[in-house]
Amino acid sequence: MLSTLPAATGHPSPTATSSAPWWRDAVIYQVYVRSFLDSTGDGIGDLAGVRAGLPYLRRLGVDGIWLSPFYPSPQHDHGYDVADYRGVDPVYGDLAEFDRLVADARRLGLKLLLDIVPNHCSSEHPWFRSALAAKPGSAERARFHFAPGRGPDGTEPPNNWRAMFGGPAWSRTTGPDGAPGEWYLHLFTPEQPDLNWRDPAVGDDFEEVLRFWLDRGVDGFRIDVAAGLFKHPELPDSDDPGADERARDAVNQLAWNQPEVHGVWRRWRSVCEEYTARDGRERLLVGEVSVPTAREHAEYVRPDELHQAFFFDLLSAPWDADAFRTTITDAMRDIAGTGSTVTWVLNNHDQVRTVTRYAGEPGVEGSGLGAARARAAALLMLALPGAAYVYQGEELGLPEVLDLPDEVLTDPIFHRTGSRKHVRDGCRVPLPWSGHASPFGFSGEAAGAKPWLPQPEWFAEHATDRALADTRSFWHLYRDGLQLRRTLPQLGEGPLRWLDTPPQVLAISRGDGLVCAVNFGTEPVPAPVPGTPLLASGPCPDGVLPAATAAWWTAECPAP
């Protein structure tokens, strides 16, 4: 017996026809610019390095790339503290280099998305500098959240909110005469003051920022903190002030997911559609939306709002068949039901790398179990209806670097909390490209180049040159899966059906006779459906699905 989930949309797959927008089932590769490829030998990746790596990404088979922020920034949060939304930080290049990158991506058929950060800016942004110099109640301060303190002489913050990166969400200003003044809100770090989207000047300026980059040829934007922007207008105390510090488990509903935020995405969607109407090229808005349920997530991808929003529940699901099935079912019911497509992710620049996350115990670097599960999860993700995003290095099977010394850590979470628990540097170590010692080709042939984060010796085992030469590598699994996804009409958009399986085994049917099955258990099981294997995440004998393995079959499936 089969259970049937709704089709992702009524549109046919772009694999089968060119009538549907490209983004509906695209696979996008996230480039963390600082750690991708260094063209200058200074140990920091840059836009010229990204441009040099485009043929590699084209060969891998992705549809496009998303670039982490490269704007001018003091780098307190590696670019997510933006000082100028219309420029390029000199450490990454300049606008001329960016234009060359756009041209090369277009020539190779790769879409290009930029990371835009509308919730907050840098404390060095001209707006914030002007606000600090202005008086309380001024137009300059209205662009942010300034408020008088509570208690005697205003010595206590305006409310009890906490910052996501640790500590109070408020910092107090000091006047020209040295006297303490108002407080300002920052949900991340004091160097990242939150913008006040209730001030029309903020929305007007960001529309101009969008147009600046769209005029330079980009294909869309990944939107940071897309559920934020608006705060409760009265800034009241929270019943759970520690919610933001727990991030995924709970968020401060007074500072997130306010109803007014949807008006921003309608405005941005209309800008994208204006550009699409000019030249027929679909522009994309994909949001980082962190909300508790798939149903709330779906509100962001209604037809006149964001095109897509990252569905993080698959990333956070434990390695368990029932958990994966529930997660996928909820997404297909609530998100695909809006007319959008689900946007699947297994990793990004804020998460522990998949191989380590699935290893089952901390400190197991690149264990066989973690690698096997990561390979199986990748094959399952590529078989699901909708779009997928792949974080750089996942195609190499890179584990998390867990033993970076305290003195090299740059993550503001560590410096604000003193804890390594949520530190993100371990997934941001520069990629290994070739050779047997650091910098592993990351800085080309530059003599003595020292990557901005140290690479461990065992990175040699995961270098790109080795991965390309080994047909059993993660790279070839991704490349083969992407090639099949592009050529098989059963994949891309369309319905998903569940097949009956033993416990801890999932099997889905896609289209006409394609099955993806995953064994989440610890013992081999008979293949759920007899057929001819097309691709497997590990050795897969005929008729058997080994533990921690996924496979694609062509098979005769019973009718629903």
Protein backbone atom coordinates (compact mmCIF):
# COMPACT_ATOMS: atom_id res chain seq x y z
CA MET A 1 0.00 0.00 0.00
CA LEU A 2 1.19 3.51 -0.83
CA SER A 3 0.47 6.86 0.74
CA THR A 4 0.54 9.87 -1.55
CA LEU A 5 1.71 13.39 -0.74
CA PRO A 6 0.68 16.40 -2.81
CA ALA A 7 2.72 17.34 -5.83
CA ALA A 8 5.10 20.18 -5.16
CA THR A 9 3.09 22.26 -7.63
CA GLY A 10 0.98 21.82 -10.68
CA HIS A 11 3.95 22.82 -12.83
CA PRO A 12 5.98 20.20 -14.69
CA SER A 13 9.65 19.79 -13.84
CA PRO A 14 12.08 22.15 -15.58
CA THR A 15 13.99 18.97 -16.38
CA ALA A 16 11.17 17.99 -18.66
CA THR A 17 10.14 21.40 -19.91
CA SER A 18 11.50 24.93 -19.81
CA SER A 19 8.13 26.51 -18.93
CA ALA A 20 8.62 26.48 -15.14
CA PRO A 21 10.97 28.91 -13.38
CA TRP A 22 14.52 27.63 -12.94
CA TRP A 23 14.54 27.98 -9.17
CA ARG A 24 11.73 25.55 -8.44
CA ASP A 25 13.99 22.49 -8.35
CA ALA A 26 17.44 24.09 -8.61
CA VAL A 27 20.44 22.85 -6.63
CA ILE A 28 22.44 25.82 -5.33
CA TYR A 29 25.96 25.63 -3.92
CA GLN A 30 26.72 27.90 -0.97
CA VAL A 31 30.10 29.60 -1.34
CA TYR A 32 31.52 30.90 1.93
CA VAL A 33 33.76 33.35 0.10
CA ARG A 34 36.33 33.73 2.86
CA SER A 35 37.07 29.99 2.81
CA PHE A 36 36.52 28.95 -0.81
CA LEU A 37 39.67 29.91 -2.77
CA ASP A 38 42.33 32.57 -2.18
CA SER A 39 43.70 34.27 -5.32
CA THR A 40 46.15 36.66 -3.62
CA GLY A 41 48.03 34.50 -1.10
CA ASP A 42 46.83 36.47 1.92
CA GLY A 43 45.07 33.42 3.38
CA ILE A 44 41.55 34.77 2.79
CA GLY A 45 39.27 33.64 0.00
CA ASP A 46 38.06 36.31 -2.43
CA LEU A 47 35.86 36.98 -5.44
CA ALA A 48 38.65 36.23 -7.91
CA GLY A 49 39.01 32.87 -6.18
CA VAL A 50 35.30 32.22 -6.59
CA ARG A 51 35.61 33.08 -10.28
CA ALA A 52 38.53 30.64 -10.65
CA GLY A 53 36.42 27.92 -9.02
CA LEU A 54 33.38 28.30 -11.27
CA PRO A 55 34.47 25.58 -13.77
CA TYR A 56 34.81 23.16 -10.83
CA LEU A 57 31.25 23.94 -9.73
CA ARG A 58 29.97 23.64 -13.27
CA ARG A 59 31.63 20.24 -13.50
CA LEU A 60 30.00 19.21 -10.22
CA GLY A 61 26.64 19.97 -11.80
CA VAL A 62 24.99 22.57 -9.57
CA ASP A 63 22.62 25.14 -11.03
CA GLY A 64 24.02 28.18 -9.28
CA ILE A 65 25.86 29.64 -6.31
CA TRP A 66 25.00 31.72 -3.27
CA LEU A 67 27.79 34.00 -2.06
CA SER A 68 28.22 34.83 1.62
CA PRO A 69 28.52 38.59 2.33
CA PHE A 70 31.54 40.28 0.73
CA TYR A 71 30.46 43.88 1.42
CA PRO A 72 32.67 46.39 3.25
CA SER A 73 32.63 45.33 6.88
CA PRO A 74 34.77 45.47 10.03
CA GLN A 75 34.31 41.68 10.10
CA HIS A 76 33.04 41.36 13.66
CA ASP A 77 30.78 38.60 12.30
CA HIS A 78 32.66 37.96 9.04
CA GLY A 79 30.56 40.15 6.81
CA TYR A 80 27.17 39.81 8.47
CA ASP A 81 27.93 43.23 9.99
CA VAL A 82 27.61 45.33 6.83
CA ALA A 83 29.05 48.85 6.69
CA ASP A 84 28.14 49.50 3.03
CA TYR A 85 25.51 47.45 1.17
CA ARG A 86 26.61 48.76 -2.24
CA GLY A 87 30.28 47.84 -2.32
CA VAL A 88 32.95 45.14 -2.03
CA ASP A 89 35.34 44.90 0.90
CA PRO A 90 38.91 45.33 -0.41
CA VAL A 91 39.90 42.02 1.19
CA TYR A 92 37.56 40.31 -1.31
CA GLY A 93 38.17 42.47 -4.39
CA ASP A 94 36.22 45.31 -5.94
CA LEU A 95 33.14 45.96 -8.05
CA ALA A 96 35.06 45.38 -11.28
CA GLU A 97 36.01 41.89 -10.05
CA PHE A 98 32.42 41.28 -9.05
CA ASP A 99 31.25 42.23 -12.54
CA ARG A 100 33.73 39.75 -14.04
CA LEU A 101 32.35 37.08 -11.72
CA VAL A 102 28.80 37.79 -12.87
CA ALA A 103 29.87 37.58 -16.52
CA ASP A 104 31.73 34.28 -16.05
CA ALA A 105 28.86 32.74 -14.11
CA ARG A 106 26.44 33.75 -16.86
CA ARG A 107 28.74 32.30 -19.52
CA LEU A 108 28.87 28.96 -17.68
CA GLY A 109 25.12 28.86 -17.13
CA LEU A 110 25.36 29.30 -13.34
CA LYS A 111 22.90 31.47 -11.43
CA LEU A 112 24.34 33.92 -8.89
CA LEU A 113 22.64 34.79 -5.59
CA LEU A 114 23.86 37.36 -3.08
CA ASP A 115 23.47 37.25 0.69
CA ILE A 116 21.63 40.32 1.93
CA VAL A 117 21.41 41.28 5.62
CA PRO A 118 18.38 43.50 6.28
CA ASN A 119 17.78 42.88 10.01
CA HIS A 120 20.91 44.69 11.21
CA CYS A 121 23.95 46.54 9.93
CA SER A 122 27.42 47.29 11.25
CA SER A 123 27.99 49.72 14.07
CA GLU A 124 30.34 51.40 11.55
CA HIS A 125 27.57 51.95 8.98
CA PRO A 126 27.17 55.70 8.30
CA TRP A 127 23.57 55.56 9.49
CA PHE A 128 24.53 54.24 12.91
CA ARG A 129 27.41 56.67 13.29
CA SER A 130 24.97 59.50 12.54
CA ALA A 131 22.51 58.07 15.04
CA LEU A 132 25.11 58.02 17.80
CA ALA A 133 25.97 61.64 17.07
CA ALA A 134 22.31 62.71 16.99
CA LYS A 135 19.98 63.50 19.87
CA PRO A 136 17.26 61.22 21.30
CA GLY A 137 14.10 61.42 19.21
CA SER A 138 15.97 62.41 16.05
CA ALA A 139 15.30 61.06 12.57
CA GLU A 140 18.74 59.47 12.60
CA ARG A 141 17.93 57.44 15.70
CA ALA A 142 14.51 56.47 14.33
CA ARG A 143 16.25 54.12 11.87
CA PHE A 144 17.29 51.93 14.83
CA HIS A 145 15.81 50.91 18.16
CA PHE A 146 16.97 53.48 20.71
CA ALA A 147 15.23 53.69 24.07
CA PRO A 148 15.84 55.10 27.54
CA GLY A 149 16.88 52.65 30.23
CA ARG A 150 14.85 51.55 33.22
CA GLY A 151 15.61 51.91 36.89
CA PRO A 152 17.47 54.68 38.66
CA ASP A 153 19.21 56.92 36.12
CA GLY A 154 18.30 54.49 33.32
CA THR A 155 20.97 52.02 34.33
CA GLU A 156 18.93 48.94 33.36
CA PRO A 157 18.19 47.89 29.75
CA PRO A 158 14.78 48.87 28.30
CA ASN A 159 13.61 45.25 28.46
CA ASN A 160 14.86 41.77 29.35
CA TRP A 161 15.59 40.47 25.85
CA ARG A 162 18.74 38.40 25.25
CA ALA A 163 21.01 38.36 22.20
CA MET A 164 21.28 35.22 20.08
CA PHE A 165 25.07 35.29 20.44
CA GLY A 166 24.87 35.61 24.22
CA GLY A 167 24.36 38.38 26.74
CA PRO A 168 21.82 41.23 26.89
CA ALA A 169 20.28 42.43 23.62
CA TRP A 170 20.89 46.05 24.59
CA SER A 171 23.98 48.27 24.88
CA ARG A 172 24.11 51.75 26.37
CA THR A 173 25.46 54.73 24.48
CA THR A 174 27.78 57.40 25.80
CA GLY A 175 27.23 61.06 24.94
CA PRO A 176 29.88 63.56 23.72
CA ASP A 177 30.30 64.72 27.31
CA GLY A 178 30.94 61.18 28.52
CA ALA A 179 27.56 60.87 30.21
CA PRO A 180 25.61 57.61 29.70
CA GLY A 181 22.70 57.95 27.30
CA GLU A 182 20.05 55.83 25.61
CA TRP A 183 20.30 52.12 24.91
CA TYR A 184 20.17 50.49 21.46
CA LEU A 185 18.94 47.02 20.45
CA HIS A 186 21.13 44.32 18.92
CA LEU A 187 19.82 40.76 18.70
CA PHE A 188 23.25 39.43 17.74
CA THR A 189 26.27 41.51 18.87
CA PRO A 190 26.71 45.15 19.94
CA GLU A 191 28.55 45.67 16.62
CA GLN A 192 25.32 44.69 14.78
CA PRO A 193 22.58 47.18 15.73
CA ASP A 194 19.09 46.13 14.64
CA LEU A 195 17.44 48.36 12.06
CA ASN A 196 13.95 49.69 12.76
CA TRP A 197 11.82 48.62 9.82
CA ARG A 198 8.92 50.71 11.09
CA ASP A 199 10.82 53.72 9.75
CA PRO A 200 9.98 54.05 6.01
CA ALA A 201 13.52 55.23 5.26
CA VAL A 202 14.85 51.74 5.99
CA GLY A 203 12.57 49.99 3.50
CA ASP A 204 13.18 52.63 0.84
CA ASP A 205 16.94 52.29 1.12
CA PHE A 206 16.89 48.50 0.93
CA GLU A 207 14.78 48.64 -2.22
CA GLU A 208 17.54 50.75 -3.75
CA VAL A 209 20.12 48.20 -2.56
CA LEU A 210 18.21 45.43 -4.34
CA ARG A 211 18.08 47.47 -7.53
CA PHE A 212 21.79 48.26 -7.33
CA TRP A 213 22.72 44.57 -7.46
CA LEU A 214 19.94 43.52 -9.83
CA ASP A 215 21.20 46.15 -12.25
CA ARG A 216 24.62 44.46 -12.05
CA GLY A 217 23.09 41.17 -13.19
CA VAL A 218 22.50 39.03 -10.09
CA ASP A 219 19.79 36.37 -10.18
CA GLY A 220 18.46 36.89 -6.68
CA PHE A 221 19.10 37.07 -2.97
CA ARG A 222 19.43 34.86 0.07
CA ILE A 223 17.90 36.88 2.90
CA ASP A 224 19.49 36.69 6.34
CA VAL A 225 17.16 36.58 9.38
CA ALA A 226 14.09 36.81 7.16
CA ALA A 227 11.68 36.20 10.05
CA GLY A 228 13.14 39.12 11.98
CA LEU A 229 13.13 42.80 10.93
CA PHE A 230 10.01 43.87 12.85
CA LYS A 231 9.85 43.93 16.64
CA HIS A 232 6.82 44.41 18.84
CA PRO A 233 6.19 48.18 18.70
CA GLU A 234 6.13 48.53 22.51
CA LEU A 235 9.28 46.44 23.08
CA PRO A 236 7.75 44.71 26.14
CA ASP A 237 9.50 42.23 28.41
CA SER A 238 9.58 38.63 27.21
CA ASP A 239 8.02 35.81 29.23
CA ASP A 240 11.03 33.72 28.17
CA PRO A 241 14.03 36.06 27.88
CA GLY A 242 16.43 33.22 27.19
CA ALA A 243 14.56 32.09 24.08
CA ASP A 244 16.81 33.82 21.58
CA GLU A 245 19.91 32.29 23.14
CA ARG A 246 18.41 28.85 22.50
CA ALA A 247 17.86 29.76 18.82
CA ARG A 248 16.37 26.67 17.13
CA ASP A 249 14.52 25.46 20.23
CA ALA A 250 12.61 28.70 20.69
CA VAL A 251 12.68 32.29 19.54
CA ASN A 252 11.51 35.50 21.15
CA GLN A 253 8.13 35.93 19.50
CA LEU A 254 8.20 39.64 20.40
CA ALA A 255 11.27 40.11 18.20
CA TRP A 256 10.62 37.53 15.46
CA ASN A 257 7.84 36.53 13.08
CA GLN A 258 5.84 39.74 13.50
CA PRO A 259 3.01 40.06 10.95
CA GLU A 260 4.37 43.27 9.41
CA VAL A 261 7.40 41.44 7.98
CA HIS A 262 5.28 39.92 5.23
CA GLY A 263 4.75 43.36 3.72
CA VAL A 264 8.50 43.61 3.15
CA TRP A 265 8.59 40.39 1.19
CA ARG A 266 5.63 41.46 -0.93
CA ARG A 267 7.48 44.65 -1.79
CA TRP A 268 10.70 42.78 -2.61
CA ARG A 269 8.80 40.22 -4.68
CA SER A 270 7.28 43.03 -6.76
CA VAL A 271 10.77 44.42 -7.42
CA CYS A 272 11.98 41.02 -8.63
CA GLU A 273 8.94 40.58 -10.84
CA GLU A 274 9.54 44.03 -12.33
CA TYR A 275 13.01 42.93 -13.45
CA THR A 276 11.71 39.59 -14.70
CA ALA A 277 9.10 41.38 -16.79
CA ARG A 278 11.87 43.40 -18.44
CA ASP A 279 13.99 40.54 -19.73
CA GLY A 280 12.24 37.25 -18.90
CA ARG A 281 14.93 36.18 -16.39
CA GLU A 282 13.37 34.91 -13.16
CA ARG A 283 14.86 36.52 -10.05
CA LEU A 284 14.79 34.58 -6.78
CA LEU A 285 14.23 35.47 -3.13
CA VAL A 286 15.11 32.69 -0.67
CA GLY A 287 14.76 33.43 3.02
CA GLU A 288 16.46 32.21 6.16
CA VAL A 289 13.20 31.63 8.02
CA SER A 290 13.50 30.20 11.53
CA VAL A 291 9.98 29.58 12.83
CA PRO A 292 8.66 26.73 14.98
CA THR A 293 6.41 24.89 12.50
CA ALA A 294 6.14 24.06 8.81
CA ARG A 295 2.76 25.77 8.78
CA GLU A 296 4.27 29.10 9.92
CA HIS A 297 7.13 28.57 7.45
CA ALA A 298 4.57 28.24 4.66
CA GLU A 299 3.28 31.76 5.31
CA TYR A 300 6.56 33.17 3.99
CA VAL A 301 6.31 31.43 0.60
CA ARG A 302 2.81 32.42 -0.39
CA PRO A 303 2.54 33.35 -4.07
CA ASP A 304 3.22 37.07 -3.57
CA GLU A 305 6.00 36.76 -0.97
CA LEU A 306 9.32 34.89 -0.96
CA HIS A 307 9.84 32.36 -3.71
CA GLN A 308 11.52 29.96 -1.28
CA ALA A 309 12.59 29.66 2.35
CA PHE A 310 15.11 27.22 3.76
CA PHE A 311 13.42 24.28 5.47
CA PHE A 312 15.76 23.60 8.37
CA ASP A 313 13.76 20.76 9.92
CA LEU A 314 15.49 18.17 7.73
CA LEU A 315 18.86 19.47 8.90
CA SER A 316 17.84 19.24 12.55
CA ALA A 317 16.05 15.88 12.34
CA PRO A 318 17.75 13.03 14.24
CA TRP A 319 19.00 10.03 12.25
CA ASP A 320 15.72 8.15 12.48
CA ALA A 321 13.34 6.95 9.79
CA ASP A 322 10.19 8.14 11.57
CA ALA A 323 11.66 11.58 12.22
CA PHE A 324 12.67 11.99 8.57
CA ARG A 325 9.29 10.79 7.33
CA THR A 326 7.38 13.17 9.61
CA THR A 327 9.62 16.08 8.60
CA ILE A 328 9.22 15.42 4.88
CA THR A 329 5.47 14.85 5.18
CA ASP A 330 4.91 18.12 7.06
CA ALA A 331 6.95 20.07 4.51
CA MET A 332 5.16 18.62 1.52
CA ARG A 333 1.74 19.18 3.05
CA ASP A 334 2.22 22.71 4.38
CA ILE A 335 4.89 24.29 2.17
CA ALA A 336 4.34 22.66 -1.21
CA GLY A 337 0.63 23.28 -0.66
CA THR A 338 1.24 27.04 -1.06
CA GLY A 339 2.38 26.59 -4.67
CA SER A 340 6.04 27.04 -3.76
CA THR A 341 8.52 24.19 -3.57
CA VAL A 342 10.28 22.97 -0.45
CA THR A 343 13.87 24.18 -0.14
CA TRP A 344 15.85 21.35 1.47
CA VAL A 345 19.14 21.83 3.33
CA LEU A 346 21.42 19.49 5.28
CA ASN A 347 24.13 21.99 6.21
CA ASN A 348 25.30 25.60 6.01
CA HIS A 349 27.91 27.97 7.43
CA ASP A 350 26.22 28.02 10.86
CA GLN A 351 25.97 24.26 11.44
CA VAL A 352 28.21 21.36 12.43
CA ARG A 353 29.20 19.55 9.25
CA THR A 354 26.98 16.65 8.28
CA VAL A 355 29.61 13.91 8.58
CA THR A 356 30.36 14.89 12.18
CA ARG A 357 26.73 15.56 13.09
CA TYR A 358 25.72 12.07 11.97
CA ALA A 359 28.71 10.31 13.56
CA GLY A 360 26.70 9.69 16.70
CA GLU A 361 29.27 10.80 19.28
CA PRO A 362 31.40 13.94 19.64
CA GLY A 363 35.01 13.84 18.58
CA VAL A 364 34.60 11.18 15.89
CA GLU A 365 36.19 12.98 12.95
CA GLY A 366 35.17 11.49 9.65
CA SER A 367 34.07 8.20 11.19
CA GLY A 368 32.76 5.58 8.83
CA LEU A 369 29.30 5.79 10.37
CA GLY A 370 29.02 9.56 10.03
CA ALA A 371 30.28 9.48 6.45
CA ALA A 372 27.89 6.68 5.47
CA ARG A 373 24.90 8.49 6.94
CA ALA A 374 25.91 11.78 5.33
CA ARG A 375 26.15 10.11 1.92
CA ALA A 376 22.74 8.49 2.37
CA ALA A 377 21.14 11.75 3.50
CA ALA A 378 22.55 13.57 0.48
CA LEU A 379 21.07 11.03 -1.91
CA LEU A 380 17.70 11.26 -0.17
CA MET A 381 17.72 15.09 -0.31
CA LEU A 382 18.48 15.06 -4.04
CA ALA A 383 15.55 12.69 -4.61
CA LEU A 384 12.98 14.92 -2.88
CA PRO A 385 10.69 17.28 -4.81
CA GLY A 386 11.78 20.90 -4.73
CA ALA A 387 15.09 22.74 -4.46
CA ALA A 388 18.24 21.87 -2.52
CA TYR A 389 21.20 23.86 -1.19
CA VAL A 390 24.65 22.31 -0.67
CA TYR A 391 27.23 23.94 1.58
CA GLN A 392 30.78 24.06 0.26
CA GLY A 393 32.87 21.07 1.31
CA GLU A 394 29.89 18.77 1.78
CA GLU A 395 30.66 17.36 -1.67
CA LEU A 396 34.11 16.44 -0.28
CA GLY A 397 32.74 14.71 2.82
CA LEU A 398 34.56 17.19 5.06
CA PRO A 399 34.11 16.57 8.79
CA GLU A 400 33.93 19.40 11.31
CA VAL A 401 37.26 20.65 12.63
CA LEU A 402 36.67 20.21 16.36
CA ASP A 403 40.05 21.00 17.86
CA LEU A 404 40.78 24.56 16.74
CA PRO A 405 42.73 26.30 19.53
CA ASP A 406 40.87 28.96 21.47
CA GLU A 407 43.32 31.61 20.32
CA VAL A 408 42.37 31.20 16.63
CA LEU A 409 38.60 31.18 17.10
CA THR A 410 36.89 34.17 15.51
CA ASP A 411 33.21 33.40 16.11
CA PRO A 412 31.57 36.14 18.23
CA ILE A 413 29.54 33.44 19.97
CA PHE A 414 32.74 32.16 21.59
CA HIS A 415 33.96 35.62 22.52
CA ARG A 416 30.62 36.64 24.04
CA THR A 417 29.88 33.42 25.93
CA GLY A 418 33.27 31.79 26.52
CA SER A 419 31.69 28.52 25.40
CA ARG A 420 32.61 26.43 22.37
CA LYS A 421 29.20 24.76 22.28
CA HIS A 422 27.76 26.63 19.28
CA VAL A 423 30.99 27.91 17.74
CA ARG A 424 30.82 27.90 13.94
CA ASP A 425 34.49 28.19 12.99
CA GLY A 426 34.83 24.41 12.62
CA CYS A 427 32.69 24.32 9.49
CA ARG A 428 34.35 27.43 8.02
CA VAL A 429 37.95 26.21 7.77
CA PRO A 430 39.27 26.95 4.24
CA LEU A 431 38.72 24.19 1.70
CA PRO A 432 41.50 21.75 0.75
CA TRP A 433 42.06 21.68 -3.01
CA SER A 434 45.29 19.75 -3.54
CA GLY A 435 48.54 18.53 -2.03
CA HIS A 436 49.53 16.99 1.28
CA ALA A 437 50.06 20.00 3.55
CA SER A 438 48.40 23.31 4.38
CA PRO A 439 47.29 25.45 2.61
CA PHE A 440 46.28 22.47 0.40
CA GLY A 441 46.05 24.62 -2.74
CA PHE A 442 43.63 27.05 -1.07
CA SER A 443 46.13 29.86 -1.70
CA GLY A 444 47.41 28.47 -4.98
CA GLU A 445 51.18 28.40 -5.26
CA ALA A 446 51.70 31.27 -2.81
CA ALA A 447 54.73 30.46 -0.68
CA GLY A 448 54.14 30.54 3.06
CA ALA A 449 50.46 31.42 2.76
CA LYS A 450 48.66 30.93 6.06
CA PRO A 451 44.88 30.35 5.86
CA TRP A 452 42.81 32.56 8.16
CA LEU A 453 41.80 29.42 10.08
CA PRO A 454 44.31 26.57 10.37
CA GLN A 455 43.67 23.42 8.32
CA PRO A 456 44.36 20.07 10.02
CA GLU A 457 46.73 17.55 8.44
CA TRP A 458 43.89 15.10 7.80
CA PHE A 459 42.36 17.58 5.32
CA ALA A 460 44.69 15.95 2.77
CA GLU A 461 42.37 12.92 2.73
CA HIS A 462 39.51 15.15 1.56
CA ALA A 463 41.30 17.36 -0.95
CA THR A 464 39.51 18.02 -4.21
CA ASP A 465 42.20 16.46 -6.37
CA ARG A 466 41.86 13.15 -4.50
CA ALA A 467 38.06 13.32 -4.60
CA LEU A 468 38.04 13.80 -8.36
CA ALA A 469 40.38 10.83 -8.85
CA ASP A 470 38.38 8.45 -6.64
CA THR A 471 35.10 7.34 -8.23
CA ARG A 472 33.89 6.16 -4.80
CA SER A 473 34.24 9.63 -3.24
CA PHE A 474 31.55 11.98 -1.94
CA TRP A 475 32.26 14.21 -4.94
CA HIS A 476 31.32 11.55 -7.45
CA LEU A 477 28.20 10.65 -5.48
CA TYR A 478 27.05 14.27 -5.62
CA ARG A 479 28.06 14.67 -9.26
CA ASP A 480 26.30 11.47 -10.33
CA GLY A 481 23.21 12.35 -8.29
CA LEU A 482 23.06 15.84 -9.79
CA GLN A 483 23.47 14.48 -13.29
CA LEU A 484 20.64 11.98 -12.82
CA ARG A 485 18.48 14.64 -11.19
CA ARG A 486 18.94 16.82 -14.24
CA THR A 487 18.22 14.08 -16.79
CA LEU A 488 15.56 11.85 -15.19
CA PRO A 489 12.04 13.22 -15.73
CA GLN A 490 10.87 11.54 -12.50
CA LEU A 491 12.97 13.92 -10.41
CA GLY A 492 12.63 17.65 -9.88
CA GLU A 493 9.08 18.74 -9.24
CA GLY A 494 6.21 16.32 -8.92
CA PRO A 495 4.48 14.01 -6.46
CA LEU A 496 6.09 11.94 -3.77
CA ARG A 497 4.63 8.61 -2.61
CA TRP A 498 5.63 6.56 0.39
CA LEU A 499 6.12 2.81 0.01
CA ASP A 500 5.48 0.38 2.84
CA THR A 501 8.78 -0.62 4.42
CA PRO A 502 10.17 -2.38 7.50
CA PRO A 503 10.94 -0.25 10.58
CA GLN A 504 13.87 2.16 10.15
CA VAL A 505 13.63 2.03 6.36
CA LEU A 506 12.15 4.78 4.18
CA ALA A 507 11.26 4.38 0.53
CA ILE A 508 9.69 6.98 -1.74
CA SER A 509 8.44 6.65 -5.28
CA ARG A 510 9.03 9.54 -7.67
CA GLY A 511 7.16 9.80 -10.92
CA ASP A 512 7.13 6.79 -13.21
CA GLY A 513 9.08 4.01 -11.57
CA LEU A 514 11.91 5.72 -9.66
CA VAL A 515 12.42 4.68 -6.04
CA CYS A 516 14.73 6.15 -3.41
CA ALA A 517 15.19 3.99 -0.31
CA VAL A 518 17.21 4.66 2.86
CA ASN A 519 18.11 2.17 5.57
CA PHE A 520 18.35 4.10 8.84
CA GLY A 521 18.90 0.89 10.79
CA THR A 522 22.01 -1.03 11.78
CA GLU A 523 21.42 -4.22 9.79
CA PRO A 524 21.01 -4.93 6.05
CA VAL A 525 17.44 -5.35 4.80
CA PRO A 526 15.92 -6.65 1.56
CA ALA A 527 15.44 -3.95 -1.05
CA PRO A 528 11.93 -2.49 -0.57
CA VAL A 529 11.15 -2.81 -4.28
CA PRO A 530 12.90 -5.10 -6.75
CA GLY A 531 14.53 -3.30 -9.60
CA THR A 532 17.75 -2.10 -11.20
CA PRO A 533 20.00 0.09 -8.99
CA LEU A 534 20.91 3.39 -10.62
CA LEU A 535 22.97 4.95 -7.85
CA ALA A 536 23.80 4.03 -4.26
CA SER A 537 25.54 5.89 -1.44
CA GLY A 538 27.69 2.84 -0.70
CA PRO A 539 28.22 -0.77 -1.80
CA CYS A 540 24.73 -2.09 -2.48
CA PRO A 541 24.40 -5.75 -3.55
CA ASP A 542 21.43 -6.66 -5.73
CA GLY A 543 18.34 -7.23 -3.63
CA VAL A 544 19.91 -5.87 -0.42
CA LEU A 545 19.99 -2.42 1.19
CA PRO A 546 22.88 -2.25 3.69
CA ALA A 547 22.71 -0.24 6.93
CA ALA A 548 23.17 3.55 6.61
CA THR A 549 22.80 3.35 2.84
CA ALA A 550 20.52 5.04 0.32
CA ALA A 551 19.90 3.89 -3.24
CA TRP A 552 17.91 4.90 -6.29
CA TRP A 553 16.17 2.21 -8.33
CA THR A 554 14.13 2.07 -11.46
CA ALA A 555 11.29 -0.25 -10.65
CA GLU A 556 7.72 -1.18 -11.37
CA CYS A 557 5.76 0.40 -8.54
CA PRO A 558 2.21 -0.48 -7.55
CA ALA A 559 -0.39 2.09 -8.44
CA PRO A 560 -1.43 4.44 -5.60
